[in-house]
């Protein structure tokens, strides 16, 4: 999500989060993004590390020049994520879900639903701290790696393929750390401003008016009442198809 000041609305929820878990990189997890939900044997040797990816912030779509990427931040949320998933299903659209670690940990069933529907996962840190670019490298590492571990465990072993810094609070260190764990830093081109709940029509107008900025669109499925987001997506997804757009994932 875009910056909204301070630690973000998750700060109090995860105030008791544990320290750096550098060992997360060595835990046994699957390397594929989707279609791998088999059993996990805790005693097996550590799996191969994820293949490193580029540390540059990606905006482009793998669907080509006339494709858009739908990205959904801050969940999963038991009320709103299922509704977003249904709208995506109704329109045959795949999206990238940027999840906050404790939310994923609290709702593993929803994480698994996201993966089963063919969507991709993205690490959106533990505390959603929009000032983490001002914090120590140890803090940044804890935020990114703990969330990676939480999301991967909740998914049943499917790794997040992207890392989106809350509020765009990237640093060279955080970008390279995420990339070394196979998570491409993910930006956005169009902020729908749905987080502010300006009204469904305002969200639609903002997206249509800013679509020329680029292909990656930012929405939210948590952090408050997201009924406006759900309603806006019901209108925007068919409209985008009518304009000749296809849907893809951010380039890896």
Protein backbone atom coordinates (compact mmCIF):
# COMPACT_ATOMS: atom_id res chain seq x y z
CA UNK A 1 0.00 0.00 0.00
CA UNK A 2 0.99 3.62 -0.28
CA UNK A 3 2.44 5.45 2.70
CA UNK A 4 -0.06 6.51 5.34
CA UNK A 5 2.43 7.40 8.07
CA UNK A 6 3.85 5.67 11.11
CA UNK A 7 4.20 1.95 11.58
CA UNK A 8 0.96 1.28 9.77
CA UNK A 9 -2.21 -0.26 11.14
CA UNK A 10 -0.56 -3.59 11.88
CA UNK A 11 1.99 -2.11 14.26
CA UNK A 12 0.07 -2.74 17.45
CA UNK A 13 -1.09 -6.17 16.37
CA UNK A 14 2.43 -7.48 15.97
CA UNK A 15 4.21 -5.52 18.67
CA UNK A 16 5.30 -8.79 20.22
CA UNK A 17 6.87 -10.12 17.02
CA UNK A 18 10.05 -12.06 17.60
CA UNK A 19 13.50 -10.94 16.55
CA UNK A 20 15.52 -11.71 13.48
CA UNK A 21 14.94 -15.17 12.07
CA UNK A 22 17.83 -15.47 9.72
CA UNK A 23 17.43 -19.23 9.89
CA UNK A 24 14.25 -18.86 7.87
CA UNK A 25 16.31 -19.00 4.73
CA UNK A 26 17.36 -22.53 5.60
CA UNK A 27 13.99 -23.99 6.52
CA UNK A 28 12.52 -26.71 4.35
CA UNK A 29 10.08 -25.22 1.87
CA UNK A 30 9.01 -25.90 -1.67
CA UNK A 31 10.37 -23.71 -4.42
CA UNK A 32 7.39 -23.62 -6.76
CA UNK A 33 4.71 -20.93 -6.56
CA UNK A 34 1.67 -23.04 -7.31
CA UNK A 35 0.46 -26.60 -7.65
CA UNK A 36 2.61 -28.08 -4.89
CA UNK A 37 0.63 -28.89 -1.79
CA UNK A 38 2.10 -32.27 -0.93
CA UNK A 39 3.17 -33.34 2.53
CA UNK A 40 6.08 -31.68 4.24
CA UNK A 41 8.55 -33.82 6.18
CA UNK A 42 10.03 -31.75 8.97
CA UNK A 43 13.06 -34.00 9.40
CA UNK A 44 14.22 -33.83 5.79
CA UNK A 45 17.40 -31.89 4.96
CA UNK A 46 16.98 -28.20 4.20
CA UNK A 47 15.54 -27.62 0.75
CA UNK A 48 17.41 -25.67 -1.86
CA UNK A 49 17.28 -21.95 -1.47
CA UNK A 50 15.04 -20.01 -3.81
CA UNK A 51 16.74 -18.92 -7.01
CA UNK A 52 17.81 -15.28 -6.68
CA UNK A 53 16.03 -12.75 -8.89
CA UNK A 54 16.66 -9.17 -9.93
CA UNK A 55 16.71 -6.63 -7.10
CA UNK A 56 15.28 -3.83 -9.25
CA UNK A 57 11.69 -2.82 -8.47
CA UNK A 58 9.40 -4.35 -11.06
CA UNK A 59 6.32 -2.73 -12.57
CA UNK A 60 6.06 -4.48 -15.94
CA UNK A 61 3.60 -7.26 -16.70
CA UNK A 62 4.52 -10.66 -18.08
CA UNK A 63 1.33 -10.39 -20.12
CA UNK A 64 2.87 -7.92 -22.52
CA UNK A 65 2.47 -4.28 -23.41
CA UNK A 66 -1.32 -4.21 -23.14
CA UNK A 67 -1.70 -6.18 -19.91
CA UNK A 68 -2.26 -5.08 -16.33
CA UNK A 69 -1.25 -6.63 -13.01
CA UNK A 70 -3.87 -6.69 -10.28
CA UNK A 71 -2.21 -6.57 -6.86
CA UNK A 72 -4.05 -6.90 -3.56
CA UNK A 73 -2.41 -5.75 -0.32
CA UNK A 74 -2.60 -6.22 3.46
CA UNK A 75 -4.59 -9.44 3.80
CA UNK A 76 -5.69 -12.04 4.02
CA UNK A 77 -8.86 -10.97 5.78
CA UNK A 78 -11.67 -13.44 6.55
CA UNK A 79 -14.39 -11.03 5.46
CA UNK A 80 -12.92 -9.33 2.41
CA UNK A 81 -10.43 -11.75 0.85
CA UNK A 82 -13.12 -14.32 -0.06
CA UNK A 83 -15.16 -11.58 -1.72
CA UNK A 84 -12.14 -10.36 -3.71
CA UNK A 85 -11.38 -13.94 -4.72
CA UNK A 86 -14.94 -14.38 -5.95
CA UNK A 87 -14.82 -11.24 -8.09
CA UNK A 88 -11.52 -12.35 -9.59
CA UNK A 89 -12.95 -15.81 -10.30
CA UNK A 90 -16.09 -14.36 -11.88
CA UNK A 91 -13.92 -12.40 -14.30
CA UNK A 92 -11.27 -15.04 -14.93
CA UNK A 93 -8.52 -12.82 -13.54
CA UNK A 94 -5.39 -13.84 -11.63
CA UNK A 95 -3.82 -11.47 -9.11
CA UNK A 96 -0.86 -11.09 -6.80
CA UNK A 97 -1.70 -11.01 -3.09
CA UNK A 98 0.79 -9.08 -0.94
CA UNK A 99 0.24 -10.56 2.49
CA UNK A 100 1.18 -9.38 5.95
CA UNK A 101 2.87 -12.25 7.79
CA UNK A 102 0.69 -12.42 10.93
CA UNK A 103 -2.46 -12.18 8.81
CA UNK A 104 -1.30 -15.16 6.76
CA UNK A 105 -0.40 -17.03 9.92
CA UNK A 106 -3.84 -16.35 11.40
CA UNK A 107 -5.72 -17.39 8.26
CA UNK A 108 -3.83 -20.23 6.54
CA UNK A 109 -7.04 -21.50 4.96
CA UNK A 110 -7.35 -18.25 3.02
CA UNK A 111 -3.70 -18.35 1.94
CA UNK A 112 -4.25 -21.85 0.59
CA UNK A 113 -7.40 -20.69 -1.23
CA UNK A 114 -5.43 -17.91 -2.89
CA UNK A 115 -2.78 -20.36 -4.08
CA UNK A 116 -5.32 -22.99 -5.17
CA UNK A 117 -7.06 -20.40 -7.35
CA UNK A 118 -3.82 -19.78 -9.26
CA UNK A 119 -2.89 -16.43 -7.74
CA UNK A 120 0.62 -15.51 -6.61
CA UNK A 121 1.95 -14.59 -3.18
CA UNK A 122 3.95 -11.55 -2.16
CA UNK A 123 5.72 -10.74 1.11
CA UNK A 124 4.37 -7.51 2.65
CA UNK A 125 6.38 -7.76 5.90
CA UNK A 126 5.37 -8.50 9.49
CA UNK A 127 4.33 -5.14 10.90
CA UNK A 128 3.43 -3.14 7.80
CA UNK A 129 5.83 -0.44 8.96
CA UNK A 130 5.87 2.32 6.35
CA UNK A 131 8.98 3.80 7.97
CA UNK A 132 11.09 0.67 7.81
CA UNK A 133 13.42 2.32 5.30
CA UNK A 134 14.60 4.42 8.26
CA UNK A 135 15.25 1.38 10.45
CA UNK A 136 18.30 -0.86 10.90
CA UNK A 137 19.20 -3.65 8.52
CA UNK A 138 18.53 -6.16 11.30
CA UNK A 139 14.98 -4.80 11.64
CA UNK A 140 14.41 -4.88 7.89
CA UNK A 141 15.67 -8.46 7.77
CA UNK A 142 13.34 -9.54 10.58
CA UNK A 143 10.36 -7.90 8.88
CA UNK A 144 11.00 -9.54 5.52
CA UNK A 145 12.24 -12.97 6.54
CA UNK A 146 9.74 -13.58 9.32
CA UNK A 147 6.91 -12.70 6.94
CA UNK A 148 8.38 -14.97 4.27
CA UNK A 149 8.43 -17.82 6.78
CA UNK A 150 4.88 -17.13 7.99
CA UNK A 151 3.42 -16.91 4.48
CA UNK A 152 5.26 -20.00 3.26
CA UNK A 153 4.10 -22.04 6.25
CA UNK A 154 0.51 -20.82 5.93
CA UNK A 155 0.42 -21.68 2.23
CA UNK A 156 1.54 -25.24 2.83
CA UNK A 157 5.00 -24.64 1.41
CA UNK A 158 4.45 -22.20 -1.47
CA UNK A 159 6.92 -19.35 -1.38
CA UNK A 160 6.07 -15.69 -2.02
CA UNK A 161 7.51 -14.67 -5.37
CA UNK A 162 7.59 -10.93 -4.70
CA UNK A 163 8.35 -8.47 -1.91
CA UNK A 164 6.44 -5.20 -1.62
CA UNK A 165 7.70 -2.74 0.97
CA UNK A 166 4.87 -1.07 2.92
CA UNK A 167 4.36 2.41 1.54
CA UNK A 168 7.14 1.76 -0.96
CA UNK A 169 9.70 1.98 1.85
CA UNK A 170 12.36 0.05 -0.05
CA UNK A 171 16.07 0.31 0.64
CA UNK A 172 18.95 -1.12 -1.40
CA UNK A 173 19.49 -3.57 1.45
CA UNK A 174 15.86 -4.76 1.61
CA UNK A 175 15.63 -5.10 -2.15
CA UNK A 176 18.74 -7.23 -2.38
CA UNK A 177 17.78 -9.31 0.65
CA UNK A 178 14.37 -10.09 -0.81
CA UNK A 179 15.84 -10.81 -4.24
CA UNK A 180 18.36 -13.22 -2.72
CA UNK A 181 15.36 -15.16 -1.37
CA UNK A 182 13.71 -15.30 -4.77
CA UNK A 183 11.30 -12.41 -4.12
CA UNK A 184 11.29 -9.71 -6.79
CA UNK A 185 10.76 -6.21 -5.34
CA UNK A 186 7.32 -5.11 -6.50
CA UNK A 187 6.18 -1.55 -7.01
CA UNK A 188 2.97 -0.11 -8.41
CA UNK A 189 1.94 2.39 -11.07
CA UNK A 190 -1.68 3.07 -10.15
CA UNK A 191 -2.71 3.58 -6.53
CA UNK A 192 -6.47 3.18 -6.48
CA UNK A 193 -6.59 5.08 -3.17
CA UNK A 194 -9.11 2.48 -1.99
CA UNK A 195 -7.37 2.38 1.39
CA UNK A 196 -8.88 5.80 2.13
CA UNK A 197 -12.40 4.55 1.30
CA UNK A 198 -13.26 7.55 -0.91
CA UNK A 199 -16.29 5.82 -2.43
CA UNK A 200 -16.62 3.21 -5.16
CA UNK A 201 -16.98 5.73 -7.98
CA UNK A 202 -13.91 7.65 -6.80
CA UNK A 203 -11.85 4.46 -6.84
CA UNK A 204 -13.03 3.64 -10.36
CA UNK A 205 -12.32 7.17 -11.57
CA UNK A 206 -8.83 7.16 -10.06
CA UNK A 207 -7.87 3.88 -11.73
CA UNK A 208 -9.22 4.92 -15.12
CA UNK A 209 -7.52 8.30 -14.88
CA UNK A 210 -4.12 6.93 -13.87
CA UNK A 211 -3.99 3.82 -16.03
CA UNK A 212 -1.60 5.56 -18.40
CA UNK A 213 1.01 5.52 -15.61
CA UNK A 214 1.68 1.83 -16.07
CA UNK A 215 0.37 -1.69 -15.66
CA UNK A 216 0.53 -2.51 -11.94
CA UNK A 217 -2.66 -1.60 -10.05
CA UNK A 218 -2.83 -1.43 -6.24
CA UNK A 219 -5.89 -2.45 -4.21
CA UNK A 220 -6.47 -3.71 -0.64
CA UNK A 221 -8.38 -6.60 0.92
CA UNK A 222 -7.76 -5.74 4.59
CA UNK A 223 -7.21 -2.82 6.94
CA UNK A 224 -10.87 -1.91 7.32
CA UNK A 225 -14.10 -2.02 5.36
CA UNK A 226 -13.22 -3.05 1.79
CA UNK A 227 -16.74 -3.16 0.37
CA UNK A 228 -15.86 -0.21 -1.89
CA UNK A 229 -12.87 -2.11 -3.26
CA UNK A 230 -14.96 -5.18 -4.00
CA UNK A 231 -17.59 -3.07 -5.76
CA UNK A 232 -14.96 -1.16 -7.73
CA UNK A 233 -13.31 -4.38 -8.92
CA UNK A 234 -16.69 -5.68 -10.10
CA UNK A 235 -16.84 -2.69 -12.44
CA UNK A 236 -13.17 -2.26 -13.32
CA UNK A 237 -12.29 -5.81 -14.32
CA UNK A 238 -14.95 -6.06 -17.06
CA UNK A 239 -14.17 -2.50 -18.15
CA UNK A 240 -10.48 -3.30 -18.52
CA UNK A 241 -11.37 -6.27 -20.71
CA UNK A 242 -13.63 -4.06 -22.81
CA UNK A 243 -10.69 -1.70 -23.34
CA UNK A 244 -8.65 -4.59 -24.70
CA UNK A 245 -6.48 -5.22 -21.67
CA UNK A 246 -5.37 -8.66 -20.63
CA UNK A 247 -4.17 -9.65 -17.16
CA UNK A 248 -0.78 -10.90 -16.13
CA UNK A 249 1.62 -11.16 -13.26
CA UNK A 250 4.51 -8.83 -12.50
CA UNK A 251 7.67 -9.82 -14.35
CA UNK A 252 9.98 -11.97 -12.30
